[in-house]
Amino acid sequence: MQSWQRVFDPSFKLYFWYNKLNGQSQWTVPRFTSLYSKEDAEAAIKMESVVRGFLGRMKARRVVFAKYTRYFDANVNKFYWTVNETGKAFWKASAWLIKQQVPMPLEDQMLYASHLRIQELESKLKEKDAEIKKIRKARYEELEPAVLADRVKNAKALVRPKNMDEWTIDELAAWFTGQDTNVTP
């Protein structure tokens, strides 16, 4: 609240200054009134509201920290809270309470940190598994013609039974590759 107010005097047709706190009035501009513009006053009011909001949030946070304790349950990978006065536990908290990041006991902090580390390692393991599969596939595609030729070569050396129903896939492949493909009908 500003203590000095500019007031118009109709009899003199001039403005004078009135101090709302002590009832004093004067014709000259008060000493500190002219130092600040209207924009300065508005900015000060905005800054004051930001500071008050911050202090209010900090006070609310202190109250919440005193009232609740947060825990981590590793079996279900969820947080739950307890009311410190009654010891009553609850799983579903408001978005505001969740955002406050109510402190946990040291054991639960360590448990939660371990849980996060395990999730991180599992993620890296999945990435490595995908990388291994990709490399194996590329390597198999690279080796496949050589492997097939080797298998056919080994199958050609085998003594095949007379009955084709008893042949293995390798023996059948060797028979096909041994056929003359240049026959014209």
N, C-alpha and C. Protein backbone atom coordinates (compact mmCIF):
# COMPACT_ATOMS: atom_id res chain seq x y z
N MET A 1 0.85 -1.18 0.00
CA MET A 1 0.00 0.00 0.00
C MET A 1 0.89 1.24 0.00
N GLN A 2 0.55 2.19 -0.85
CA GLN A 2 1.32 3.43 -0.90
C GLN A 2 0.81 4.39 0.18
N SER A 3 1.74 5.08 0.84
CA SER A 3 1.32 5.99 1.91
C SER A 3 0.91 7.35 1.36
N TRP A 4 1.51 7.79 0.26
CA TRP A 4 1.20 9.10 -0.31
C TRP A 4 0.23 8.95 -1.47
N GLN A 5 -0.75 9.83 -1.50
CA GLN A 5 -1.74 9.83 -2.57
C GLN A 5 -1.83 11.23 -3.17
N ARG A 6 -1.88 11.30 -4.49
CA ARG A 6 -2.01 12.58 -5.18
C ARG A 6 -3.49 12.94 -5.24
N VAL A 7 -3.85 14.17 -4.77
CA VAL A 7 -5.26 14.59 -4.68
C VAL A 7 -5.41 15.96 -5.36
N PHE A 8 -6.52 16.16 -6.09
CA PHE A 8 -6.79 17.42 -6.77
C PHE A 8 -7.58 18.34 -5.85
N ASP A 9 -7.11 19.62 -5.73
CA ASP A 9 -7.81 20.63 -4.93
C ASP A 9 -8.54 21.55 -5.91
N PRO A 10 -9.93 21.50 -5.95
CA PRO A 10 -10.68 22.28 -6.93
C PRO A 10 -10.59 23.80 -6.69
N SER A 11 -10.40 24.24 -5.46
CA SER A 11 -10.34 25.67 -5.21
C SER A 11 -9.06 26.29 -5.77
N PHE A 12 -7.96 25.60 -5.67
CA PHE A 12 -6.69 26.10 -6.22
C PHE A 12 -6.42 25.57 -7.62
N LYS A 13 -7.19 24.56 -8.02
CA LYS A 13 -7.01 23.88 -9.31
C LYS A 13 -5.58 23.33 -9.46
N LEU A 14 -5.12 22.75 -8.36
CA LEU A 14 -3.79 22.14 -8.32
C LEU A 14 -3.87 20.80 -7.56
N TYR A 15 -2.84 20.02 -7.78
CA TYR A 15 -2.74 18.76 -7.04
C TYR A 15 -1.90 18.97 -5.79
N PHE A 16 -2.27 18.29 -4.71
CA PHE A 16 -1.45 18.27 -3.51
C PHE A 16 -1.26 16.79 -3.10
N TRP A 17 -0.37 16.56 -2.18
CA TRP A 17 -0.06 15.21 -1.73
C TRP A 17 -0.57 14.99 -0.32
N TYR A 18 -1.26 13.84 -0.11
CA TYR A 18 -1.87 13.51 1.17
C TYR A 18 -1.27 12.18 1.65
N ASN A 19 -0.79 12.17 2.90
CA ASN A 19 -0.23 10.96 3.49
C ASN A 19 -1.34 10.24 4.24
N LYS A 20 -1.69 9.04 3.75
CA LYS A 20 -2.80 8.28 4.33
C LYS A 20 -2.46 7.72 5.71
N LEU A 21 -1.20 7.56 5.99
CA LEU A 21 -0.81 6.97 7.27
C LEU A 21 -0.89 7.96 8.43
N ASN A 22 -0.40 9.20 8.20
CA ASN A 22 -0.39 10.16 9.31
C ASN A 22 -1.32 11.37 9.11
N GLY A 23 -2.03 11.45 7.97
CA GLY A 23 -2.97 12.54 7.72
C GLY A 23 -2.31 13.83 7.28
N GLN A 24 -1.02 13.87 7.08
CA GLN A 24 -0.29 15.08 6.67
C GLN A 24 -0.51 15.31 5.18
N SER A 25 -0.54 16.59 4.75
CA SER A 25 -0.63 16.93 3.34
C SER A 25 0.38 18.02 3.03
N GLN A 26 0.81 18.07 1.74
CA GLN A 26 1.79 19.07 1.32
C GLN A 26 1.66 19.30 -0.17
N TRP A 27 2.15 20.48 -0.64
CA TRP A 27 2.07 20.84 -2.05
C TRP A 27 3.22 20.24 -2.84
N THR A 28 4.33 20.04 -2.18
CA THR A 28 5.50 19.53 -2.90
C THR A 28 5.45 17.99 -2.97
N VAL A 29 6.11 17.48 -3.99
CA VAL A 29 6.13 16.03 -4.18
C VAL A 29 6.96 15.42 -3.04
N PRO A 30 6.41 14.41 -2.37
CA PRO A 30 7.15 13.78 -1.28
C PRO A 30 8.49 13.21 -1.79
N ARG A 31 9.41 13.11 -0.90
CA ARG A 31 10.79 12.80 -1.26
C ARG A 31 10.94 11.51 -2.08
N PHE A 32 10.37 10.41 -1.66
CA PHE A 32 10.59 9.14 -2.34
C PHE A 32 9.52 8.82 -3.38
N THR A 33 8.50 9.60 -3.48
CA THR A 33 7.43 9.32 -4.43
C THR A 33 7.90 9.52 -5.86
N SER A 34 8.72 10.52 -6.11
CA SER A 34 9.13 10.81 -7.47
C SER A 34 10.23 9.86 -7.97
N LEU A 35 10.81 9.08 -7.08
CA LEU A 35 11.87 8.17 -7.50
C LEU A 35 11.35 6.97 -8.28
N TYR A 36 10.10 6.62 -8.06
CA TYR A 36 9.55 5.40 -8.66
C TYR A 36 8.40 5.74 -9.59
N SER A 37 8.39 5.10 -10.75
CA SER A 37 7.30 5.31 -11.70
C SER A 37 6.17 4.33 -11.41
N LYS A 38 5.10 4.48 -12.15
CA LYS A 38 3.95 3.59 -12.01
C LYS A 38 4.35 2.16 -12.37
N GLU A 39 5.20 2.03 -13.42
CA GLU A 39 5.67 0.70 -13.84
C GLU A 39 6.50 0.04 -12.75
N ASP A 40 7.31 0.88 -12.06
CA ASP A 40 8.12 0.35 -10.96
C ASP A 40 7.22 -0.20 -9.85
N ALA A 41 6.16 0.54 -9.55
CA ALA A 41 5.23 0.10 -8.50
C ALA A 41 4.54 -1.19 -8.91
N GLU A 42 4.11 -1.29 -10.18
CA GLU A 42 3.46 -2.51 -10.66
C GLU A 42 4.43 -3.69 -10.63
N ALA A 43 5.66 -3.44 -11.03
CA ALA A 43 6.67 -4.51 -11.00
C ALA A 43 6.93 -4.96 -9.57
N ALA A 44 6.98 -4.01 -8.65
CA ALA A 44 7.21 -4.36 -7.24
C ALA A 44 6.06 -5.21 -6.70
N ILE A 45 4.84 -4.85 -7.09
CA ILE A 45 3.67 -5.62 -6.65
C ILE A 45 3.73 -7.04 -7.21
N LYS A 46 4.11 -7.18 -8.50
CA LYS A 46 4.22 -8.52 -9.10
C LYS A 46 5.32 -9.33 -8.41
N MET A 47 6.45 -8.69 -8.16
CA MET A 47 7.55 -9.40 -7.49
C MET A 47 7.13 -9.82 -6.09
N GLU A 48 6.40 -8.93 -5.42
CA GLU A 48 5.93 -9.25 -4.08
C GLU A 48 4.99 -10.46 -4.11
N SER A 49 4.12 -10.53 -5.12
CA SER A 49 3.20 -11.67 -5.21
C SER A 49 3.96 -12.96 -5.52
N VAL A 50 5.01 -12.87 -6.33
CA VAL A 50 5.82 -14.06 -6.61
C VAL A 50 6.50 -14.54 -5.33
N VAL A 51 7.08 -13.61 -4.59
CA VAL A 51 7.77 -13.97 -3.35
C VAL A 51 6.78 -14.55 -2.34
N ARG A 52 5.62 -13.91 -2.21
CA ARG A 52 4.60 -14.43 -1.29
C ARG A 52 4.15 -15.82 -1.70
N GLY A 53 3.97 -16.03 -3.01
CA GLY A 53 3.58 -17.35 -3.50
C GLY A 53 4.64 -18.39 -3.18
N PHE A 54 5.90 -18.04 -3.40
CA PHE A 54 7.01 -18.95 -3.10
C PHE A 54 7.04 -19.29 -1.62
N LEU A 55 6.94 -18.24 -0.79
CA LEU A 55 6.97 -18.47 0.66
C LEU A 55 5.77 -19.30 1.11
N GLY A 56 4.61 -19.06 0.51
CA GLY A 56 3.42 -19.84 0.84
C GLY A 56 3.59 -21.31 0.45
N ARG A 57 4.16 -21.54 -0.73
CA ARG A 57 4.40 -22.93 -1.15
C ARG A 57 5.40 -23.62 -0.23
N MET A 58 6.42 -22.89 0.19
CA MET A 58 7.41 -23.46 1.10
C MET A 58 6.78 -23.80 2.45
N LYS A 59 5.90 -22.92 2.92
CA LYS A 59 5.23 -23.18 4.19
C LYS A 59 4.32 -24.39 4.07
N ALA A 60 3.57 -24.47 2.96
CA ALA A 60 2.69 -25.62 2.73
C ALA A 60 3.51 -26.91 2.65
N ARG A 61 4.66 -26.83 2.01
CA ARG A 61 5.53 -27.99 1.88
C ARG A 61 6.02 -28.47 3.24
N ARG A 62 6.41 -27.51 4.10
CA ARG A 62 6.85 -27.89 5.45
C ARG A 62 5.73 -28.60 6.21
N VAL A 63 4.50 -28.10 6.04
CA VAL A 63 3.35 -28.72 6.72
C VAL A 63 3.14 -30.14 6.18
N VAL A 64 3.23 -30.29 4.85
CA VAL A 64 3.04 -31.61 4.23
C VAL A 64 4.14 -32.57 4.69
N PHE A 65 5.38 -32.10 4.74
CA PHE A 65 6.49 -32.96 5.15
C PHE A 65 6.31 -33.41 6.60
N ALA A 66 5.73 -32.55 7.42
CA ALA A 66 5.50 -32.92 8.82
C ALA A 66 4.32 -33.88 8.96
N LYS A 67 3.35 -33.78 8.03
CA LYS A 67 2.13 -34.57 8.15
C LYS A 67 2.25 -35.96 7.52
N TYR A 68 3.01 -36.09 6.41
CA TYR A 68 3.05 -37.35 5.66
C TYR A 68 4.47 -37.90 5.55
N THR A 69 4.54 -39.20 5.33
CA THR A 69 5.79 -39.87 4.98
C THR A 69 5.49 -40.73 3.76
N ARG A 70 6.44 -40.74 2.82
CA ARG A 70 6.26 -41.51 1.58
C ARG A 70 7.15 -42.75 1.67
N TYR A 71 6.61 -43.87 1.16
CA TYR A 71 7.35 -45.13 1.15
C TYR A 71 7.30 -45.72 -0.26
N PHE A 72 8.23 -46.64 -0.54
CA PHE A 72 8.25 -47.33 -1.83
C PHE A 72 8.08 -48.82 -1.58
N ASP A 73 7.11 -49.42 -2.28
CA ASP A 73 6.88 -50.86 -2.18
C ASP A 73 7.46 -51.51 -3.44
N ALA A 74 8.55 -52.26 -3.28
CA ALA A 74 9.24 -52.86 -4.42
C ALA A 74 8.44 -54.00 -5.03
N ASN A 75 7.54 -54.62 -4.27
CA ASN A 75 6.75 -55.74 -4.80
C ASN A 75 5.79 -55.29 -5.90
N VAL A 76 5.26 -54.08 -5.76
CA VAL A 76 4.31 -53.57 -6.77
C VAL A 76 4.86 -52.36 -7.52
N ASN A 77 6.09 -51.96 -7.18
CA ASN A 77 6.75 -50.82 -7.82
C ASN A 77 5.92 -49.54 -7.75
N LYS A 78 5.40 -49.26 -6.57
CA LYS A 78 4.58 -48.07 -6.38
C LYS A 78 4.93 -47.39 -5.05
N PHE A 79 4.58 -46.11 -4.98
CA PHE A 79 4.72 -45.37 -3.73
C PHE A 79 3.42 -45.44 -2.95
N TYR A 80 3.55 -45.35 -1.63
CA TYR A 80 2.38 -45.16 -0.79
C TYR A 80 2.76 -44.18 0.31
N TRP A 81 1.79 -43.59 0.94
CA TRP A 81 2.01 -42.56 1.94
C TRP A 81 1.35 -42.98 3.25
N THR A 82 1.86 -42.43 4.34
CA THR A 82 1.21 -42.62 5.64
C THR A 82 0.98 -41.26 6.28
N VAL A 83 -0.09 -41.16 7.03
CA VAL A 83 -0.35 -39.96 7.82
C VAL A 83 0.40 -40.17 9.13
N ASN A 84 1.33 -39.29 9.45
CA ASN A 84 2.21 -39.49 10.60
C ASN A 84 1.45 -39.54 11.92
N GLU A 85 0.39 -38.77 12.07
CA GLU A 85 -0.35 -38.73 13.34
C GLU A 85 -1.08 -40.03 13.61
N THR A 86 -1.71 -40.59 12.57
CA THR A 86 -2.54 -41.78 12.76
C THR A 86 -1.86 -43.07 12.32
N GLY A 87 -0.85 -42.96 11.48
CA GLY A 87 -0.19 -44.16 10.95
C GLY A 87 -0.97 -44.81 9.83
N LYS A 88 -2.06 -44.17 9.41
CA LYS A 88 -2.90 -44.73 8.36
C LYS A 88 -2.19 -44.59 7.01
N ALA A 89 -2.19 -45.69 6.23
CA ALA A 89 -1.51 -45.70 4.93
C ALA A 89 -2.54 -45.57 3.81
N PHE A 90 -2.10 -44.94 2.71
CA PHE A 90 -2.96 -44.86 1.53
C PHE A 90 -2.10 -44.88 0.28
N TRP A 91 -2.65 -45.47 -0.79
CA TRP A 91 -1.91 -45.64 -2.04
C TRP A 91 -2.20 -44.54 -3.04
N LYS A 92 -3.40 -44.01 -3.02
CA LYS A 92 -3.80 -43.04 -4.03
C LYS A 92 -3.70 -41.64 -3.43
N ALA A 93 -2.73 -40.87 -3.92
CA ALA A 93 -2.53 -39.50 -3.44
C ALA A 93 -2.94 -38.53 -4.53
N SER A 94 -3.23 -37.31 -4.12
CA SER A 94 -3.59 -36.27 -5.10
C SER A 94 -2.36 -35.91 -5.92
N ALA A 95 -2.57 -35.35 -7.08
CA ALA A 95 -1.46 -34.94 -7.95
C ALA A 95 -0.59 -33.91 -7.22
N TRP A 96 -1.21 -33.04 -6.44
CA TRP A 96 -0.47 -32.03 -5.70
C TRP A 96 0.46 -32.68 -4.68
N LEU A 97 -0.05 -33.67 -3.94
CA LEU A 97 0.76 -34.35 -2.93
C LEU A 97 1.91 -35.11 -3.59
N ILE A 98 1.65 -35.74 -4.71
CA ILE A 98 2.71 -36.45 -5.44
C ILE A 98 3.80 -35.46 -5.86
N LYS A 99 3.38 -34.29 -6.34
CA LYS A 99 4.33 -33.28 -6.82
C LYS A 99 5.22 -32.75 -5.70
N GLN A 100 4.80 -32.84 -4.47
CA GLN A 100 5.57 -32.30 -3.34
C GLN A 100 6.81 -33.12 -3.03
N GLN A 101 6.89 -34.35 -3.55
CA GLN A 101 8.05 -35.21 -3.31
C GLN A 101 8.33 -35.33 -1.81
N VAL A 102 7.34 -35.82 -1.09
CA VAL A 102 7.47 -36.01 0.36
C VAL A 102 8.67 -36.92 0.61
N PRO A 103 9.54 -36.56 1.54
CA PRO A 103 10.74 -37.37 1.79
C PRO A 103 10.41 -38.80 2.24
N MET A 104 11.32 -39.72 1.93
CA MET A 104 11.19 -41.12 2.32
C MET A 104 12.25 -41.43 3.38
N PRO A 105 12.00 -42.45 4.18
CA PRO A 105 13.05 -42.91 5.09
C PRO A 105 14.26 -43.40 4.28
N LEU A 106 15.42 -43.43 4.88
CA LEU A 106 16.65 -43.78 4.20
C LEU A 106 16.57 -45.16 3.54
N GLU A 107 15.98 -46.13 4.22
CA GLU A 107 15.88 -47.48 3.66
C GLU A 107 15.07 -47.47 2.37
N ASP A 108 13.98 -46.70 2.35
CA ASP A 108 13.14 -46.63 1.15
C ASP A 108 13.84 -45.85 0.04
N GLN A 109 14.62 -44.84 0.41
CA GLN A 109 15.40 -44.12 -0.60
C GLN A 109 16.38 -45.06 -1.28
N MET A 110 17.05 -45.90 -0.48
CA MET A 110 18.01 -46.85 -1.04
C MET A 110 17.29 -47.89 -1.90
N LEU A 111 16.15 -48.36 -1.45
CA LEU A 111 15.37 -49.34 -2.20
C LEU A 111 14.92 -48.76 -3.54
N TYR A 112 14.44 -47.54 -3.52
CA TYR A 112 13.98 -46.90 -4.75
C TYR A 112 15.14 -46.65 -5.70
N ALA A 113 16.29 -46.22 -5.17
CA ALA A 113 17.47 -46.02 -6.01
C ALA A 113 17.89 -47.34 -6.65
N SER A 114 17.84 -48.43 -5.89
CA SER A 114 18.17 -49.75 -6.44
C SER A 114 17.18 -50.13 -7.53
N HIS A 115 15.90 -49.85 -7.30
CA HIS A 115 14.86 -50.15 -8.29
C HIS A 115 15.13 -49.39 -9.60
N LEU A 116 15.47 -48.12 -9.49
CA LEU A 116 15.77 -47.32 -10.69
C LEU A 116 17.00 -47.86 -11.40
N ARG A 117 18.01 -48.27 -10.64
CA ARG A 117 19.24 -48.81 -11.25
C ARG A 117 18.94 -50.12 -11.98
N ILE A 118 18.11 -50.95 -11.39
CA ILE A 118 17.73 -52.22 -12.03
C ILE A 118 16.98 -51.94 -13.33
N GLN A 119 16.05 -50.99 -13.31
CA GLN A 119 15.33 -50.63 -14.54
C GLN A 119 16.30 -50.14 -15.62
N GLU A 120 17.27 -49.34 -15.22
CA GLU A 120 18.26 -48.83 -16.17
C GLU A 120 19.07 -49.98 -16.77
N LEU A 121 19.50 -50.93 -15.92
CA LEU A 121 20.28 -52.06 -16.40
C LEU A 121 19.45 -52.98 -17.29
N GLU A 122 18.18 -53.18 -16.95
CA GLU A 122 17.31 -53.99 -17.80
C GLU A 122 17.13 -53.35 -19.17
N SER A 123 17.01 -52.05 -19.19
CA SER A 123 16.89 -51.33 -20.46
C SER A 123 18.16 -51.52 -21.30
N LYS A 124 19.32 -51.38 -20.67
CA LYS A 124 20.59 -51.58 -21.38
C LYS A 124 20.71 -53.02 -21.87
N LEU A 125 20.24 -53.97 -21.07
CA LEU A 125 20.29 -55.38 -21.46
C LEU A 125 19.43 -55.63 -22.70
N LYS A 126 18.24 -55.03 -22.74
CA LYS A 126 17.39 -55.17 -23.92
C LYS A 126 18.06 -54.58 -25.16
N GLU A 127 18.71 -53.43 -24.99
CA GLU A 127 19.43 -52.82 -26.11
C GLU A 127 20.53 -53.75 -26.61
N LYS A 128 21.29 -54.33 -25.68
CA LYS A 128 22.38 -55.23 -26.06
C LYS A 128 21.84 -56.50 -26.72
N ASP A 129 20.72 -57.05 -26.22
CA ASP A 129 20.11 -58.22 -26.84
C ASP A 129 19.71 -57.92 -28.28
N ALA A 130 19.12 -56.75 -28.50
CA ALA A 130 18.73 -56.37 -29.86
C ALA A 130 19.96 -56.22 -30.75
N GLU A 131 21.01 -55.67 -30.20
CA GLU A 131 22.26 -55.50 -30.96
C GLU A 131 22.86 -56.87 -31.32
N ILE A 132 22.85 -57.81 -30.37
CA ILE A 132 23.37 -59.16 -30.61
C ILE A 132 22.56 -59.85 -31.70
N LYS A 133 21.23 -59.73 -31.63
CA LYS A 133 20.37 -60.35 -32.66
C LYS A 133 20.68 -59.77 -34.04
N LYS A 134 20.87 -58.48 -34.08
CA LYS A 134 21.17 -57.82 -35.36
C LYS A 134 22.50 -58.32 -35.92
N ILE A 135 23.50 -58.42 -35.07
CA ILE A 135 24.82 -58.90 -35.50
C ILE A 135 24.74 -60.36 -35.93
N ARG A 136 24.03 -61.19 -35.16
CA ARG A 136 23.87 -62.60 -35.52
C ARG A 136 23.19 -62.75 -36.88
N LYS A 137 22.15 -61.96 -37.10
CA LYS A 137 21.43 -62.04 -38.37
C LYS A 137 22.35 -61.64 -39.52
N ALA A 138 23.10 -60.55 -39.34
CA ALA A 138 24.02 -60.11 -40.38
C ALA A 138 25.09 -61.17 -40.62
N ARG A 139 25.60 -61.77 -39.57
CA ARG A 139 26.63 -62.80 -39.69
C ARG A 139 26.07 -64.04 -40.37
N TYR A 140 24.85 -64.43 -40.00
CA TYR A 140 24.23 -65.61 -40.62
C TYR A 140 24.01 -65.38 -42.11
N GLU A 141 23.52 -64.20 -42.46
CA GLU A 141 23.30 -63.88 -43.87
C GLU A 141 24.63 -63.90 -44.62
N GLU A 142 25.68 -63.50 -43.95
CA GLU A 142 27.01 -63.49 -44.55
C GLU A 142 27.53 -64.92 -44.74
N LEU A 143 27.26 -65.80 -43.77
CA LEU A 143 27.78 -67.17 -43.81
C LEU A 143 26.86 -68.16 -44.50
N GLU A 144 25.61 -67.83 -44.70
CA GLU A 144 24.62 -68.79 -45.19
C GLU A 144 25.05 -69.49 -46.48
N PRO A 145 25.51 -68.79 -47.54
CA PRO A 145 25.88 -69.52 -48.75
C PRO A 145 27.02 -70.52 -48.50
N ALA A 146 28.01 -70.13 -47.69
CA ALA A 146 29.13 -71.03 -47.42
C ALA A 146 28.67 -72.23 -46.60
N VAL A 147 27.80 -72.00 -45.65
CA VAL A 147 27.28 -73.10 -44.81
C VAL A 147 26.47 -74.07 -45.66
N LEU A 148 25.61 -73.52 -46.53
CA LEU A 148 24.80 -74.39 -47.39
C LEU A 148 25.69 -75.23 -48.32
N ALA A 149 26.68 -74.61 -48.91
CA ALA A 149 27.58 -75.34 -49.81
C ALA A 149 28.31 -76.44 -49.05
N ASP A 150 28.72 -76.14 -47.83
CA ASP A 150 29.41 -77.13 -47.01
C ASP A 150 28.48 -78.29 -46.67
N ARG A 151 27.25 -77.97 -46.31
CA ARG A 151 26.28 -79.01 -45.97
C ARG A 151 25.99 -79.91 -47.17
N VAL A 152 25.85 -79.29 -48.36
CA VAL A 152 25.57 -80.07 -49.57
C VAL A 152 26.77 -80.97 -49.89
N LYS A 153 27.97 -80.44 -49.75
CA LYS A 153 29.20 -81.21 -50.02
C LYS A 153 29.25 -82.42 -49.10
N ASN A 154 28.95 -82.19 -47.81
CA ASN A 154 28.96 -83.30 -46.86
C ASN A 154 27.85 -84.30 -47.16
N ALA A 155 26.69 -83.82 -47.62
CA ALA A 155 25.57 -84.71 -47.93
C ALA A 155 25.85 -85.55 -49.17
N LYS A 156 26.59 -85.00 -50.12
CA LYS A 156 26.93 -85.76 -51.33
C LYS A 156 27.81 -86.95 -50.98
N ALA A 157 28.60 -86.80 -49.96
CA ALA A 157 29.50 -87.87 -49.55
C ALA A 157 28.76 -88.97 -48.81
N LEU A 158 27.56 -88.66 -48.30
CA LEU A 158 26.79 -89.66 -47.56
C LEU A 158 26.24 -90.72 -48.50
N VAL A 159 26.09 -91.88 -47.98
CA VAL A 159 25.41 -92.95 -48.73
C VAL A 159 23.94 -92.80 -48.40
N ARG A 160 23.17 -92.50 -49.44
CA ARG A 160 21.74 -92.28 -49.23
C ARG A 160 21.00 -93.61 -49.32
N PRO A 161 19.98 -93.76 -48.47
CA PRO A 161 19.16 -94.96 -48.61
C PRO A 161 18.43 -94.93 -49.95
N LYS A 162 18.02 -96.08 -50.42
CA LYS A 162 17.33 -96.15 -51.69
C LYS A 162 15.95 -95.52 -51.61
N ASN A 163 15.29 -95.65 -50.48
CA ASN A 163 13.95 -95.11 -50.32
C ASN A 163 14.07 -93.60 -50.03
N MET A 164 13.52 -92.76 -50.91
CA MET A 164 13.61 -91.30 -50.76
C MET A 164 12.88 -90.79 -49.51
N ASP A 165 11.89 -91.55 -49.03
CA ASP A 165 11.15 -91.12 -47.84
C ASP A 165 12.04 -91.09 -46.60
N GLU A 166 13.16 -91.78 -46.64
CA GLU A 166 14.07 -91.85 -45.50
C GLU A 166 15.18 -90.80 -45.58
N TRP A 167 15.24 -90.04 -46.67
CA TRP A 167 16.31 -89.06 -46.83
C TRP A 167 16.14 -87.90 -45.87
N THR A 168 17.27 -87.34 -45.46
CA THR A 168 17.25 -86.12 -44.64
C THR A 168 17.17 -84.92 -45.58
N ILE A 169 16.99 -83.76 -45.02
CA ILE A 169 16.92 -82.54 -45.83
C ILE A 169 18.25 -82.31 -46.53
N ASP A 170 19.36 -82.58 -45.85
CA ASP A 170 20.67 -82.41 -46.46
C ASP A 170 20.85 -83.37 -47.64
N GLU A 171 20.39 -84.61 -47.48
CA GLU A 171 20.51 -85.59 -48.57
C GLU A 171 19.64 -85.18 -49.76
N LEU A 172 18.47 -84.69 -49.50
CA LEU A 172 17.59 -84.23 -50.57
C LEU A 172 18.20 -83.03 -51.30
N ALA A 173 18.79 -82.09 -50.53
CA ALA A 173 19.43 -80.92 -51.13
C ALA A 173 20.62 -81.34 -51.98
N ALA A 174 21.39 -82.33 -51.51
CA ALA A 174 22.53 -82.82 -52.28
C ALA A 174 22.07 -83.47 -53.59
N TRP A 175 20.97 -84.21 -53.55
CA TRP A 175 20.45 -84.86 -54.76
C TRP A 175 20.02 -83.80 -55.78
N PHE A 176 19.29 -82.74 -55.28
CA PHE A 176 18.84 -81.67 -56.19
C PHE A 176 20.02 -80.95 -56.82
N THR A 177 21.02 -80.64 -56.04
CA THR A 177 22.16 -79.90 -56.59
C THR A 177 22.99 -80.76 -57.52
N GLY A 178 22.89 -82.06 -57.37
CA GLY A 178 23.62 -82.96 -58.26
C GLY A 178 22.93 -83.19 -59.58
N GLN A 179 21.72 -82.76 -59.72
CA GLN A 179 20.97 -82.95 -60.97
C GLN A 179 21.47 -81.98 -62.02
N ASP A 180 21.38 -82.40 -63.26
CA ASP A 180 21.79 -81.55 -64.37
C ASP A 180 20.67 -80.58 -64.67
N THR A 181 20.93 -79.29 -64.48
CA THR A 181 19.88 -78.28 -64.67
C THR A 181 19.86 -77.74 -66.10
N ASN A 182 20.74 -78.18 -66.96
CA ASN A 182 20.80 -77.68 -68.33
C ASN A 182 19.96 -78.54 -69.29
N VAL A 183 19.12 -79.40 -68.79
CA VAL A 183 18.29 -80.27 -69.63
C VAL A 183 17.18 -79.44 -70.23
N THR A 184 17.01 -79.50 -71.56
CA THR A 184 15.94 -78.77 -72.23
C THR A 184 14.88 -79.76 -72.66
N PRO A 185 13.66 -79.47 -72.49
CA PRO A 185 12.59 -80.41 -72.87
C PRO A 185 12.33 -80.43 -74.38
